[in-house]
Protein backbone atom coordinates (compact mmCIF):
# COMPACT_ATOMS: atom_id res chain seq x y z
CA MET A 1 123.09 107.77 72.23
CA LEU A 2 124.64 105.22 69.93
CA VAL A 3 127.83 107.17 69.29
CA ASN A 4 129.20 110.62 69.96
CA GLY A 5 128.81 112.29 66.62
CA GLU A 6 126.52 114.00 64.22
CA PHE A 7 122.98 112.69 64.02
CA ASP A 8 122.97 112.63 60.19
CA ILE A 9 126.12 110.51 60.04
CA THR A 10 124.81 108.07 62.64
CA LYS A 11 121.48 107.80 60.81
CA SER A 12 123.28 107.23 57.52
CA ALA A 13 125.40 104.48 59.09
CA LEU A 14 122.33 102.72 60.48
CA ASN A 15 120.52 102.97 57.15
CA ARG A 16 123.54 101.58 55.32
CA GLY A 17 123.74 98.71 57.78
CA ALA A 18 120.03 97.97 57.41
CA GLY A 19 120.38 97.87 53.63
CA SER A 20 123.47 95.69 53.51
CA GLU A 21 123.65 91.99 52.79
CA LYS A 22 122.77 89.48 55.49
CA HIS A 23 125.32 89.20 58.31
CA LYS A 24 127.12 92.40 57.22
CA GLU A 25 124.77 94.89 58.90
CA PHE A 26 126.96 95.80 61.87
CA TYR A 27 130.16 95.75 59.83
CA GLU A 28 128.79 98.18 57.23
CA ALA A 29 127.45 100.61 59.84
CA ALA A 30 130.69 100.44 61.83
CA GLN A 31 132.74 101.37 58.77
CA ILE A 32 130.98 104.72 58.46
CA LEU A 33 131.33 105.47 62.17
CA GLY A 34 134.99 104.47 62.39
CA ILE A 35 134.48 101.77 65.01
CA THR A 36 134.81 97.99 64.96
CA GLU A 37 131.97 95.64 64.18
CA ALA A 38 132.08 94.38 67.79
CA GLU A 39 131.81 97.94 69.13
CA MET A 40 128.85 98.59 66.86
CA LEU A 41 127.06 95.47 68.09
CA ASP A 42 127.81 96.37 71.72
CA ARG A 43 126.50 99.90 71.30
CA CYS A 44 123.32 98.75 69.59
CA CYS A 45 122.64 96.21 72.35
CA ILE A 46 123.29 98.80 75.06
CA ASN A 47 120.90 101.23 73.39
CA ILE A 48 118.17 98.60 73.10
CA ALA A 49 118.62 97.72 76.77
CA MET A 50 118.43 101.36 77.85
CA LYS A 51 115.73 102.68 75.54
CA CYS A 52 113.55 99.63 74.86
CA PRO A 53 113.85 97.26 77.83
CA GLU A 54 110.66 95.44 76.82
CA SER A 55 112.29 94.54 73.50
CA LEU A 56 115.36 93.26 75.28
CA ASP A 57 113.19 91.04 77.46
CA ASP A 58 111.65 89.50 74.34
CA ILE A 59 115.09 88.86 72.84
CA VAL A 60 116.45 87.32 76.06
CA ASN A 61 113.39 85.07 76.36
CA LEU A 62 113.72 83.90 72.75
CA VAL A 63 117.43 83.11 73.12
CA THR A 64 116.86 81.37 76.46
CA LYS A 65 114.12 79.24 74.91
CA LYS A 66 116.30 78.28 71.93
CA LEU A 67 119.24 77.39 74.17
CA SER A 68 117.09 75.10 76.32
CA GLU A 69 115.72 73.11 73.34
């Protein structure tokens, strides 16, 4: 679970973040949930790692490749 709270509020926060301007996604979602931007990013990453480990592997591989260039 991303946050302890009502599903509709969490969904609304994620939708608002997805629709916000570039580089403001986590900030906008965090505002609705009453957490910091850093906490929002941490919670999203944790959820991806737990629920979609194959996606996390792809992200780690991409970042590793870019860092080694």
